Amino acid sequence: MWIKVAIVVVLLIIVVSLFSALFFLSKDKGTGDRTVKALTVRISLSIALFIIILAAYHLGYIGQQ
Protein backbone atom coordinates (compact mmCIF):
# COMPACT_ATOMS: atom_id res chain seq x y z
CA MET A 1 0.00 0.00 0.00
CA TRP A 2 2.79 2.43 0.83
CA ILE A 3 4.34 2.04 -2.61
CA LYS A 4 1.13 3.23 -4.25
CA VAL A 5 1.10 6.31 -2.04
CA ALA A 6 4.73 7.00 -2.88
CA ILE A 7 3.99 6.72 -6.61
CA VAL A 8 1.10 9.17 -6.36
CA VAL A 9 3.21 11.63 -4.35
CA VAL A 10 6.02 11.52 -6.91
CA LEU A 11 3.51 11.99 -9.74
CA LEU A 12 2.13 15.07 -8.00
CA ILE A 13 5.64 16.48 -7.57
CA ILE A 14 6.26 15.88 -11.28
CA VAL A 15 3.11 17.82 -12.18
CA VAL A 16 4.10 20.68 -9.85
CA SER A 17 7.52 20.80 -11.48
CA LEU A 18 5.93 20.92 -14.92
CA PHE A 19 3.69 23.84 -13.97
CA SER A 20 6.58 25.68 -12.32
CA ALA A 21 8.49 25.36 -15.61
CA LEU A 22 5.48 26.82 -17.42
CA PHE A 23 5.36 29.69 -14.93
CA PHE A 24 9.09 30.39 -15.29
CA LEU A 25 8.80 30.24 -19.07
CA SER A 26 6.07 32.86 -19.11
CA LYS A 27 7.71 35.06 -16.46
CA ASP A 28 11.31 35.00 -17.77
CA LYS A 29 10.34 35.24 -21.46
CA GLY A 30 13.02 32.70 -22.31
CA THR A 31 15.95 34.66 -20.89
CA GLY A 32 16.55 32.72 -17.67
CA ASP A 33 17.60 29.17 -16.99
CA ARG A 34 14.95 28.41 -14.35
CA THR A 35 12.73 26.74 -16.96
CA VAL A 36 15.53 24.36 -17.94
CA LYS A 37 16.23 23.53 -14.30
CA ALA A 38 12.54 22.83 -13.58
CA LEU A 39 12.26 20.59 -16.64
CA THR A 40 15.47 18.80 -15.65
CA VAL A 41 13.95 18.09 -12.24
CA ARG A 42 10.81 16.77 -13.92
CA ILE A 43 12.75 14.46 -16.22
CA SER A 44 14.92 13.21 -13.37
CA LEU A 45 11.86 12.49 -11.23
CA SER A 46 10.17 10.70 -14.12
CA ILE A 47 13.18 8.46 -14.68
CA ALA A 48 13.47 7.79 -10.94
CA LEU A 49 9.76 6.92 -10.76
CA PHE A 50 10.12 4.51 -13.67
CA ILE A 51 13.04 2.79 -11.95
CA ILE A 52 11.12 2.64 -8.66
CA ILE A 53 8.12 1.06 -10.38
CA LEU A 54 10.33 -1.52 -12.10
CA ALA A 55 12.10 -2.35 -8.83
CA ALA A 56 8.81 -2.58 -6.91
CA TYR A 57 7.41 -4.95 -9.52
CA HIS A 58 10.56 -7.06 -9.50
CA LEU A 59 10.56 -7.25 -5.69
CA GLY A 60 6.86 -8.13 -5.60
CA TYR A 61 5.52 -4.98 -3.94
CA ILE A 62 3.24 -4.38 -6.91
CA GLY A 63 1.92 -6.85 -9.43
CA GLN A 64 -1.14 -8.34 -10.99
CA GLN A 65 -4.02 -8.87 -8.63
PDB file of N, CA and C in Angstrom:
ATOM      1  N   MET A   1       0.819  -1.192   0.000  1.00  0.00           N
ATOM      2  CA  MET A   1       0.000   0.000   0.000  1.00  0.00           C
ATOM      3  C   MET A   1       0.865   1.259   0.000  1.00  0.00           C
ATOM      4  N   TRP A   2       1.957   1.226   0.741  1.00  0.00           N
ATOM      5  CA  TRP A   2       2.790   2.426   0.833  1.00  0.00           C
ATOM      6  C   TRP A   2       3.450   2.765  -0.483  1.00  0.00           C
ATOM      7  N   ILE A   3       3.707   1.775  -1.325  1.00  0.00           N
ATOM      8  CA  ILE A   3       4.336   2.037  -2.613  1.00  0.00           C
ATOM      9  C   ILE A   3       3.384   2.796  -3.533  1.00  0.00           C
ATOM     10  N   LYS A   4       2.104   2.506  -3.435  1.00  0.00           N
ATOM     11  CA  LYS A   4       1.127   3.227  -4.252  1.00  0.00           C
ATOM     12  C   LYS A   4       1.041   4.685  -3.834  1.00  0.00           C
ATOM     13  N   VAL A   5       1.109   4.932  -2.543  1.00  0.00           N
ATOM     14  CA  VAL A   5       1.097   6.308  -2.040  1.00  0.00           C
ATOM     15  C   VAL A   5       2.344   7.046  -2.499  1.00  0.00           C
ATOM     16  N   ALA A   6       3.477   6.378  -2.447  1.00  0.00           N
ATOM     17  CA  ALA A   6       4.731   6.997  -2.884  1.00  0.00           C
ATOM     18  C   ALA A   6       4.686   7.335  -4.373  1.00  0.00           C
ATOM     19  N   ILE A   7       4.108   6.465  -5.176  1.00  0.00           N
ATOM     20  CA  ILE A   7       3.993   6.716  -6.613  1.00  0.00           C
ATOM     21  C   ILE A   7       3.116   7.924  -6.872  1.00  0.00           C
ATOM     22  N   VAL A   8       2.003   8.033  -6.179  1.00  0.00           N
ATOM     23  CA  VAL A   8       1.096   9.165  -6.364  1.00  0.00           C
ATOM     24  C   VAL A   8       1.775  10.468  -5.928  1.00  0.00           C
ATOM     25  N   VAL A   9       2.510  10.425  -4.832  1.00  0.00           N
ATOM     26  CA  VAL A   9       3.209  11.630  -4.355  1.00  0.00           C
ATOM     27  C   VAL A   9       4.248  12.082  -5.376  1.00  0.00           C
ATOM     28  N   VAL A  10       5.001  11.162  -5.911  1.00  0.00           N
ATOM     29  CA  VAL A  10       6.020  11.523  -6.908  1.00  0.00           C
ATOM     30  C   VAL A  10       5.355  12.053  -8.176  1.00  0.00           C
ATOM     31  N   LEU A  11       4.238  11.477  -8.572  1.00  0.00           N
ATOM     32  CA  LEU A  11       3.514  11.994  -9.740  1.00  0.00           C
ATOM     33  C   LEU A  11       3.033  13.420  -9.502  1.00  0.00           C
ATOM     34  N   LEU A  12       2.559  13.713  -8.310  1.00  0.00           N
ATOM     35  CA  LEU A  12       2.125  15.073  -7.995  1.00  0.00           C
ATOM     36  C   LEU A  12       3.305  16.050  -8.025  1.00  0.00           C
ATOM     37  N   ILE A  13       4.451  15.619  -7.530  1.00  0.00           N
ATOM     38  CA  ILE A  13       5.639  16.476  -7.567  1.00  0.00           C
ATOM     39  C   ILE A  13       6.071  16.727  -9.019  1.00  0.00           C
ATOM     40  N   ILE A  14       5.934  15.723  -9.868  1.00  0.00           N
ATOM     41  CA  ILE A  14       6.265  15.881 -11.281  1.00  0.00           C
ATOM     42  C   ILE A  14       5.345  16.915 -11.927  1.00  0.00           C
ATOM     43  N   VAL A  15       4.062  16.862 -11.618  1.00  0.00           N
ATOM     44  CA  VAL A  15       3.109  17.823 -12.180  1.00  0.00           C
ATOM     45  C   VAL A  15       3.410  19.234 -11.672  1.00  0.00           C
ATOM     46  N   VAL A  16       3.740  19.367 -10.397  1.00  0.00           N
ATOM     47  CA  VAL A  16       4.097  20.681  -9.848  1.00  0.00           C
ATOM     48  C   VAL A  16       5.342  21.221 -10.544  1.00  0.00           C
ATOM     49  N   SER A  17       6.313  20.380 -10.787  1.00  0.00           N
ATOM     50  CA  SER A  17       7.523  20.805 -11.484  1.00  0.00           C
ATOM     51  C   SER A  17       7.212  21.242 -12.912  1.00  0.00           C
ATOM     52  N   LEU A  18       6.316  20.550 -13.559  1.00  0.00           N
ATOM     53  CA  LEU A  18       5.926  20.921 -14.915  1.00  0.00           C
ATOM     54  C   LEU A  18       5.259  22.290 -14.941  1.00  0.00           C
ATOM     55  N   PHE A  19       4.362  22.542 -14.002  1.00  0.00           N
ATOM     56  CA  PHE A  19       3.687  23.835 -13.966  1.00  0.00           C
ATOM     57  C   PHE A  19       4.625  24.949 -13.517  1.00  0.00           C
ATOM     58  N   SER A  20       5.606  24.648 -12.681  1.00  0.00           N
ATOM     59  CA  SER A  20       6.577  25.676 -12.323  1.00  0.00           C
ATOM     60  C   SER A  20       7.429  26.045 -13.535  1.00  0.00           C
ATOM     61  N   ALA A  21       7.756  25.066 -14.373  1.00  0.00           N
ATOM     62  CA  ALA A  21       8.491  25.356 -15.609  1.00  0.00           C
ATOM     63  C   ALA A  21       7.662  26.245 -16.531  1.00  0.00           C
ATOM     64  N   LEU A  22       6.365  25.980 -16.610  1.00  0.00           N
ATOM     65  CA  LEU A  22       5.483  26.816 -17.418  1.00  0.00           C
ATOM     66  C   LEU A  22       5.437  28.240 -16.876  1.00  0.00           C
ATOM     67  N   PHE A  23       5.374  28.376 -15.557  1.00  0.00           N
ATOM     68  CA  PHE A  23       5.365  29.692 -14.930  1.00  0.00           C
ATOM     69  C   PHE A  23       6.673  30.438 -15.206  1.00  0.00           C
ATOM     70  N   PHE A  24       7.805  29.751 -15.044  1.00  0.00           N
ATOM     71  CA  PHE A  24       9.089  30.386 -15.289  1.00  0.00           C
ATOM     72  C   PHE A  24       9.253  30.762 -16.763  1.00  0.00           C
ATOM     73  N   LEU A  25       8.709  29.946 -17.648  1.00  0.00           N
ATOM     74  CA  LEU A  25       8.796  30.238 -19.074  1.00  0.00           C
ATOM     75  C   LEU A  25       8.044  31.517 -19.407  1.00  0.00           C
ATOM     76  N   SER A  26       6.853  31.667 -18.824  1.00  0.00           N
ATOM     77  CA  SER A  26       6.065  32.862 -19.115  1.00  0.00           C
ATOM     78  C   SER A  26       6.620  34.095 -18.397  1.00  0.00           C
ATOM     79  N   LYS A  27       7.201  33.920 -17.227  1.00  0.00           N
ATOM     80  CA  LYS A  27       7.714  35.061 -16.460  1.00  0.00           C
ATOM     81  C   LYS A  27       9.061  35.545 -16.996  1.00  0.00           C
ATOM     82  N   ASP A  28       9.962  34.624 -17.325  1.00  0.00           N
ATOM     83  CA  ASP A  28      11.307  34.999 -17.766  1.00  0.00           C
ATOM     84  C   ASP A  28      11.383  35.340 -19.247  1.00  0.00           C
ATOM     85  N   LYS A  29      10.374  35.003 -20.005  1.00  0.00           N
ATOM     86  CA  LYS A  29      10.345  35.241 -21.460  1.00  0.00           C
ATOM     87  C   LYS A  29      11.519  34.582 -22.184  1.00  0.00           C
ATOM     88  N   GLY A  30      11.968  33.456 -21.649  1.00  0.00           N
ATOM     89  CA  GLY A  30      13.018  32.697 -22.313  1.00  0.00           C
ATOM     90  C   GLY A  30      14.427  33.182 -22.046  1.00  0.00           C
ATOM     91  N   THR A  31      14.608  34.134 -21.136  1.00  0.00           N
ATOM     92  CA  THR A  31      15.951  34.663 -20.889  1.00  0.00           C
ATOM     93  C   THR A  31      16.661  33.967 -19.734  1.00  0.00           C
ATOM     94  N   GLY A  32      15.935  33.358 -18.822  1.00  0.00           N
ATOM     95  CA  GLY A  32      16.554  32.719 -17.670  1.00  0.00           C
ATOM     96  C   GLY A  32      16.746  31.237 -17.875  1.00  0.00           C
ATOM     97  N   ASP A  33      17.377  30.608 -16.902  1.00  0.00           N
ATOM     98  CA  ASP A  33      17.600  29.169 -16.988  1.00  0.00           C
ATOM     99  C   ASP A  33      16.744  28.401 -15.978  1.00  0.00           C
ATOM    100  N   ARG A  34      15.804  29.092 -15.333  1.00  0.00           N
ATOM    101  CA  ARG A  34      14.951  28.408 -14.349  1.00  0.00           C
ATOM    102  C   ARG A  34      14.019  27.400 -15.016  1.00  0.00           C
ATOM    103  N   THR A  35      13.598  27.678 -16.244  1.00  0.00           N
ATOM    104  CA  THR A  35      12.734  26.736 -16.964  1.00  0.00           C
ATOM    105  C   THR A  35      13.483  25.436 -17.226  1.00  0.00           C
ATOM    106  N   VAL A  36      14.715  25.545 -17.649  1.00  0.00           N
ATOM    107  CA  VAL A  36      15.527  24.360 -17.937  1.00  0.00           C
ATOM    108  C   VAL A  36      15.751  23.546 -16.668  1.00  0.00           C
ATOM    109  N   LYS A  37      16.011  24.229 -15.562  1.00  0.00           N
ATOM    110  CA  LYS A  37      16.226  23.528 -14.296  1.00  0.00           C
ATOM    111  C   LYS A  37      14.958  22.807 -13.842  1.00  0.00           C
ATOM    112  N   ALA A  38      13.793  23.465 -13.985  1.00  0.00           N
ATOM    113  CA  ALA A  38      12.539  22.831 -13.584  1.00  0.00           C
ATOM    114  C   ALA A  38      12.233  21.626 -14.461  1.00  0.00           C
ATOM    115  N   LEU A  39      12.503  21.734 -15.749  1.00  0.00           N
ATOM    116  CA  LEU A  39      12.263  20.594 -16.641  1.00  0.00           C
ATOM    117  C   LEU A  39      13.267  19.472 -16.389  1.00  0.00           C
ATOM    118  N   THR A  40      14.485  19.822 -16.004  1.00  0.00           N
ATOM    119  CA  THR A  40      15.473  18.804 -15.650  1.00  0.00           C
ATOM    120  C   THR A  40      15.035  18.034 -14.405  1.00  0.00           C
ATOM    121  N   VAL A  41      14.493  18.748 -13.440  1.00  0.00           N
ATOM    122  CA  VAL A  41      13.955  18.093 -12.241  1.00  0.00           C
ATOM    123  C   VAL A  41      12.820  17.159 -12.616  1.00  0.00           C
ATOM    124  N   ARG A  42      11.940  17.607 -13.516  1.00  0.00           N
ATOM    125  CA  ARG A  42      10.808  16.773 -13.922  1.00  0.00           C
ATOM    126  C   ARG A  42      11.278  15.504 -14.621  1.00  0.00           C
ATOM    127  N   ILE A  43      12.235  15.628 -15.509  1.00  0.00           N
ATOM    128  CA  ILE A  43      12.747  14.460 -16.220  1.00  0.00           C
ATOM    129  C   ILE A  43      13.447  13.507 -15.261  1.00  0.00           C
ATOM    130  N   SER A  44      14.225  14.057 -14.340  1.00  0.00           N
ATOM    131  CA  SER A  44      14.920  13.213 -13.365  1.00  0.00           C
ATOM    132  C   SER A  44      13.926  12.458 -12.482  1.00  0.00           C
ATOM    133  N   LEU A  45      12.882  13.148 -12.044  1.00  0.00           N
ATOM    134  CA  LEU A  45      11.861  12.487 -11.227  1.00  0.00           C
ATOM    135  C   LEU A  45      11.113  11.420 -12.020  1.00  0.00           C
ATOM    136  N   SER A  46      10.863  11.688 -13.293  1.00  0.00           N
ATOM    137  CA  SER A  46      10.172  10.705 -14.122  1.00  0.00           C
ATOM    138  C   SER A  46      11.007   9.436 -14.304  1.00  0.00           C
ATOM    139  N   ILE A  47      12.292   9.619 -14.532  1.00  0.00           N
ATOM    140  CA  ILE A  47      13.178   8.459 -14.677  1.00  0.00           C
ATOM    141  C   ILE A  47      13.274   7.697 -13.361  1.00  0.00           C
ATOM    142  N   ALA A  48      13.397   8.441 -12.254  1.00  0.00           N
ATOM    143  CA  ALA A  48      13.466   7.790 -10.942  1.00  0.00           C
ATOM    144  C   ALA A  48      12.176   7.031 -10.640  1.00  0.00           C
ATOM    145  N   LEU A  49      11.034   7.605 -10.996  1.00  0.00           N
ATOM    146  CA  LEU A  49       9.757   6.924 -10.765  1.00  0.00           C
ATOM    147  C   LEU A  49       9.669   5.645 -11.593  1.00  0.00           C
ATOM    148  N   PHE A  50      10.126   5.701 -12.817  1.00  0.00           N
ATOM    149  CA  PHE A  50      10.119   4.512 -13.665  1.00  0.00           C
ATOM    150  C   PHE A  50      10.984   3.408 -13.065  1.00  0.00           C
ATOM    151  N   ILE A  51      12.151   3.775 -12.574  1.00  0.00           N
ATOM    152  CA  ILE A  51      13.043   2.786 -11.954  1.00  0.00           C
ATOM    153  C   ILE A  51      12.426   2.229 -10.673  1.00  0.00           C
ATOM    154  N   ILE A  52      11.783   3.091  -9.887  1.00  0.00           N
ATOM    155  CA  ILE A  52      11.123   2.640  -8.656  1.00  0.00           C
ATOM    156  C   ILE A  52       9.997   1.668  -8.970  1.00  0.00           C
ATOM    157  N   ILE A  53       9.220   1.962 -10.000  1.00  0.00           N
ATOM    158  CA  ILE A  53       8.120   1.063 -10.380  1.00  0.00           C
ATOM    159  C   ILE A  53       8.665  -0.281 -10.849  1.00  0.00           C
ATOM    160  N   LEU A  54       9.729  -0.257 -11.645  1.00  0.00           N
ATOM    161  CA  LEU A  54      10.331  -1.520 -12.096  1.00  0.00           C
ATOM    162  C   LEU A  54      10.879  -2.329 -10.920  1.00  0.00           C
ATOM    163  N   ALA A  55      11.547  -1.657  -9.993  1.00  0.00           N
ATOM    164  CA  ALA A  55      12.097  -2.351  -8.832  1.00  0.00           C
ATOM    165  C   ALA A  55      10.988  -2.903  -7.941  1.00  0.00           C
ATOM    166  N   ALA A  56       9.933  -2.130  -7.740  1.00  0.00           N
ATOM    167  CA  ALA A  56       8.815  -2.585  -6.907  1.00  0.00           C
ATOM    168  C   ALA A  56       8.125  -3.793  -7.539  1.00  0.00           C
ATOM    169  N   TYR A  57       8.007  -3.799  -8.848  1.00  0.00           N
ATOM    170  CA  TYR A  57       7.406  -4.953  -9.520  1.00  0.00           C
ATOM    171  C   TYR A  57       8.320  -6.175  -9.393  1.00  0.00           C
ATOM    172  N   HIS A  58       9.605  -5.952  -9.577  1.00  0.00           N
ATOM    173  CA  HIS A  58      10.560  -7.060  -9.499  1.00  0.00           C
ATOM    174  C   HIS A  58      10.610  -7.650  -8.087  1.00  0.00           C
ATOM    175  N   LEU A  59      10.503  -6.785  -7.072  1.00  0.00           N
ATOM    176  CA  LEU A  59      10.556  -7.249  -5.690  1.00  0.00           C
ATOM    177  C   LEU A  59       9.206  -7.768  -5.173  1.00  0.00           C
ATOM    178  N   GLY A  60       8.159  -7.605  -5.955  1.00  0.00           N
ATOM    179  CA  GLY A  60       6.858  -8.134  -5.599  1.00  0.00           C
ATOM    180  C   GLY A  60       5.968  -7.194  -4.786  1.00  0.00           C
ATOM    181  N   TYR A  61       6.365  -5.935  -4.679  1.00  0.00           N
ATOM    182  CA  TYR A  61       5.524  -4.983  -3.944  1.00  0.00           C
ATOM    183  C   TYR A  61       4.274  -4.626  -4.739  1.00  0.00           C
ATOM    184  N   ILE A  62       4.394  -4.608  -6.053  1.00  0.00           N
ATOM    185  CA  ILE A  62       3.240  -4.382  -6.912  1.00  0.00           C
ATOM    186  C   ILE A  62       3.210  -5.527  -7.928  1.00  0.00           C
ATOM    187  N   GLY A  63       2.046  -5.776  -8.457  1.00  0.00           N
ATOM    188  CA  GLY A  63       1.918  -6.851  -9.430  1.00  0.00           C
ATOM    189  C   GLY A  63       0.476  -7.031  -9.823  1.00  0.00           C
ATOM    190  N   GLN A  64       0.219  -8.064 -10.549  1.00  0.00           N
ATOM    191  CA  GLN A  64      -1.136  -8.344 -10.991  1.00  0.00           C
ATOM    192  C   GLN A  64      -1.937  -8.903  -9.823  1.00  0.00           C
ATOM    193  N   GLN A  65      -3.132  -8.428  -9.724  1.00  0.00           N
ATOM    194  CA  GLN A  65      -4.017  -8.869  -8.634  1.00  0.00           C
ATOM    195  C   GLN A  65      -4.933  -9.981  -9.101  1.00  0.00           C
TER     196      GLN A  65
END
